[in-house]
Amino acid sequence: MESDTTVRRIKPPFGTQSYVAPGHGSPWDRGGGVSEPKRKPDVSLDLLREGPATFLVCVFILLLWALVHLSLHQLVIGKASGEFNAERARQHLERIVSVGPRPVGSHENEVLTVEFLLEQIEKVRAMTEVGPHHLLSVDVQRPTGSFSIDFLGGFTSFYARVTNIVVRLEPKGGSKHLMLANCHFDTVANSPGASDDAVSCAVMLEVLHSLANQSTPLRHGVIFLFNGAEENVLQASHGFITKHLWAKQVRAFINLEAAGVGGKEVVFQTGPENPWLVQAYVRAAKHPFASVVGQEVFQSGIIPSDTDFRIYRDFGNIPGIDLAFIENGFIYHTKYDTADRILTGSIQRAGDNILAVLKHLLMSEELADSSEYRHGNMVFFDVLGTVMVAYPARVGTILNYMVAVATFIYLARKASQPGNRGGRYVRNLAFATVVALLGWLVAFLSVLIVAVLVTLLGRSMFWYTHFYASVCLYGSVATGKMVLVHTLAKNLYYRGVRMVELGDLYLDVSLLLWCCSLLWMTYRGLCSAYVPMLMVAFPLLTKLLLANEFKNRGASLKYSVLYLAGLALPYLHIMFLIWVVFEIFTPIMGRSGTEIPPEVVLAALVTIATVFLSSFFLHFIYLVRSTKWFLAGMGSVFTIVFLLVSSGLLFPYSGSPDRPRPKRVILQHTTRTFYDVHGHVEARDSGVWINSFDYTGMQHVTPHVPQIHDGVRTNCREDRPFCGFPWFLPVKFLSKKNWYLPAPDVSPSSPVDFRLVSKEETGWGTVKMTFSVKGPSHMSLYLMPHPGASLSTWSFGDGTPQFDLSGEYFVFYSHGLDAPTWTFWFEIQPPRDKPPSASGPDGMISVAISAHYFFGEDQKTPQLEELLSRFPSWAFPSSWVSTYDLYRY
C-alpha cells in the first residue's frame, strides 16, 4: 500500500478523505510509466471541522500562556528556608530609599546612604568579633581612575573619589580565595531607585548577616561590594577591580542588577566560559530562573544596557553570574521605582537564591583553582521556575546533531520509497517548503505595511499601555495572511489532493525548517540551539508515536488532542521565551530615542512569535474542511482593533498609580556660551533644552504644553561638538529631535571653572594642551579636531584616544566628595597645510565642557518648575540645570 506521504489529486467525498485506485489523479502525480500496486478498498479518514479545530488550538495556546503567567507570579516555590529574613531586608530597602534619589556626589549618596550601610555592617562585625568562626573587615574606598568602553557608540570615562564600601567576610584564619557579590546604591537623577539597585543592596546586607551567623566556618572568603557609582557608567566597579588590594584574590563574582521593578530575578549572563558557575547555580538555587537564550541576546548588543559584569570580565578577567529583575521595565529609572512596588516575595526569592549559591561556592573546591575548570560553556534553562536543565555545550552539540540526523533519516526514508514515489515526495516537499516560506513572507510584509500605516496616522506606540491590542492587530494580520496563503494553495493548486496527505506533508515541512535552523545555530556555536532542538525532537517523536492513529483514522479528535499534548513542552518553553522578549523589549521602546520606529520593531516581534507558534499548526490548516470562518474572524479582529487604534482611543501612556506607563522626557535649563579662537564670546543664549526618549516626540505633550511645538525644534550645528548642546551621554544618534525654549540665564552656585593651563609644541610635531576644570559632580567633555587635525595621545585610559564618534570624542566625568581639580591633557596633530599657530575661526580643535547639576538647589529654577507643572500626569519629565561652554584653539 502506498505511503500516506504521497500527494495524490482526487475528488474526495464531502467530509471524508479516501484512498482511490491509481490513474484517477492528475498527471502531476504520475511517475513516468511506473505501475502502481493494487489498492485496498477505500478507507474513510476524518477531517477536522473548522470550529472544533480553532477551539482546540486556541485552548492549547491560552492554557500554556496561563501556565507561563502562573509560574511568573509564583515567586517562591515551596516554603522559605528561614535562613534569609525578607522582612528585615525590606526594612533595609525602605531605609535606603527614604533618603530619595542618590546621584553620585550628592549628600544622599555619599553621606546618608554610606552612613546607614556602615551602621548595619558594624552590627554584623560586632557579632563576628565574639563568634568563633568568622572575621569581618570593612574598607571605604574612594578611587580615581579612567577607562574607555564601547557602550553607546563608545566613549571614555574619568572618575574621582567615587565611593565603594568593601566588606570582607572570611574564616578566622584568613582566606586566599574570594568570591565577590556586587550591588550599587547610587541612582540616576530624579529616581528613588528601589529596584535599581537598592533592593539588591538590602538583600546583600541580609545575606551578609546570615553568612556571618553560620555555625559552620566558610572554606573561602567573600567580598560584599556596595558600590556607589554604577549609574555613572560602571565607574565604581572599575575603581574596585583595578585599584583595590583585595581584588587580586577574587576568583569569581555575582552581580545583582535591575532592568525592571520587582518580579523574579533572572540569570541572564554567565562566564565567560567557566561552566562550574552555572553548575553551582543549578545545584544550589532554591528558585531557579535562568536562560542561556537571554545571555546570548544580551551579549549580542541589541539591548542598550550594560552592567558591572562587563567591568569585572574585561578589566578583572574573572568570571561571574549576572542577575537582574526584568519585570515592569516601564518604570525603570523613573519616579515610580519605589519600595512599595517590590513584593516581599521578590526579596525572599532573591535572598534565598543568592545565599544558597554563595554558600555553595564558598564551600566548593572549584573556587580555589578556578583556572582548572574554566574551559567550556553550558546550555542552561529552567522549566517554569521549578527545575533547572543544564549540560555542557559539547554535549548539546552532540544532542543537536543526533536530533538532526534522526530527522533526516525520517525524511530520507520517505524520499527513498520505491518507484517514482520517492522523487515525487521530494518534489512535493520542496514545493510545500516554498509555500510555507511564502506564507511567512506575505505575513511579514503585510504586518509591516500595517505598522507603517499606524505610524503615518500618528498612532505609534498605542501598545505601550495596551499590549494585547498589538497582539490582536498584528497577530491577526500575520495569522490571517498565513492561513490565506495556505488556503489558496489548498483550493487552487492542491485542488483534489487528499488533505490528510497534505497535512502530513506540511508537518514534514515544519520539521525540515526547524531542523535547518537547528543545524545553523549549532554550526555557529550558539547554546540557544537547544530551542530548535526541542522544537524538532518532541514533534518528531509525537509524529512517530501517532503514525498508526493518523494513518487509520486521519485527523480524529483523539489524534488532535494527543498531537497537541506532544507539542506542549516545547511550546510551553518557547512561549516563556516570547514572554521574556516582550517583557524586555516593549519597555525599551519607550526609551530608545526618536529615530528607531517602534511600531516596526514591535510588529516584527509579534510576527516572529506568530511564525514560531504557527509552525506546527500548518499541519492543521490542511486537515480542516474549511478556513473561511477563521479568516472572517481574523479580518473582524483586525478591523475592530485598527479602528480603535486609528481613532486614538488607545492612548500610549498612563499615569495610573497602580499601572503607570509614563512618557519619558528630559528637560535641561541651560546656558550656552561659544568662544572664538581668540577667546572672545561669539554667541550666548539660554533656554530649556528638551529631549524625548521615544518616537512620538512631543506629539502628545504639545496640547498640554503649547510652548513646545515644532517651531522650536533645534538644528544640529555640525561645527560645534555634539551639535552645541549639553549631552549627558553620547546618545545624540538616538535622539535627533530636540526642542529649545528661550529662557533666562542660569546661575549655579558652583559654576564651571575651565582653564587652559598650558599650550606647547612638542619635538615630534604635535601641540600639547593641558587644562584644569573645577565644577559639579557630573560633567561631559567633548573634543572635536578640525578637518586635517587629529588627536594622537591624551591623559585618559591607556593614553590612546578611542572611539571617534564621527570626528568627535566624548569623555564622561564624575566625582564624589572632596574631589581635587580635574586636570587633563591631550596632544593634537595640527593640519599639515596650516602652521601650529594658525589663527582664525577654525583653529585646530573645538573643546566643549558641559556641567550637569543633578541635585541640590542648583538643580532647579523657577522657569523649569513652572514648565514641569504643565506636564500631564502620564509624563515623567526628568529635569536639571546645565551649562555648555565651547572653546576653539
Foldseek 3Di string as FASTA:
>chain_A
DDDLQQWFFAAADPFWFWDDFPPRGDPLRDDDPDDDDGDDDIATFGFDAQVVVVVVLVCLQVVLLVLLVVLQVCLADDDFPPLFDLVQLLVQLQLLLVLPAFAFFDCSQFPVNVVVLVVLVVVLQVVLVPDQWKHKDKDKDFFWAKAKDPALLIFIATEGGFIKIKMKMATPVAAQAEEEEEAESHAFFAASCSVFPSSSVSLVSRLSSSLSPDPDHFQHMYMYIHGHHVVLPQPRLLRCCVPPPCNLRYAEYEYEGALAAATAKEFQAWAVFLAVLVVLLQVFQNFHAYFPVSNVVVVVPPFNDDGNQCSCCPVVVHIYIYIYHQFHSLCVRFHLNGSVRYDSSNSSNVSRSVSRSVRSVRRDPCRVPVVVRRDFDKGWGDQSRPHIDIDTLVVVLVLLVVLLVVLVVVLVVQLPDPDCRNVSSVVVLVVLLVLQVVLLVQLLVQLLVLLVVLVVLLLAQLCLVVVVLLLLQSVLSSVLSSLVSVQCCCVPVSHSIRLLSVLVSLLSSLLVVLSVVLVVCSVVSRSVSVLSSLVNVLLVVLCVVCVVVCVNHNPDPVNVVSNSVSCSRSVSVVVSVLVSVCSNVSSVQLQQAAPDRVSSVVSNSSSVSSSVSCSNVSSSSSSHPDCVVVSVVSVVSNVVSSVCSSVCVSPNFDLDSVRGNFWEKEKAFEKEFEAFQVRHTPDIFTWIKMWGRHNSTCVVFCVLVVQWDPVQWDDADPLAFPSRDFDLDPNCVRYVTMGTGGDDHADFPWDKDKDFPDWAADPVQWIKTKMWIDGAFWKKKKKAWDPQKDWQFKDRHPTGQDSQDVRMHMYIYGYYPPGDIDMMMTIMHARPVDHQPDHDRAHTMKMKMKDWDSDDPQFDDPVVVVSVVSGDSSHRYRGGYMYMYMYHD
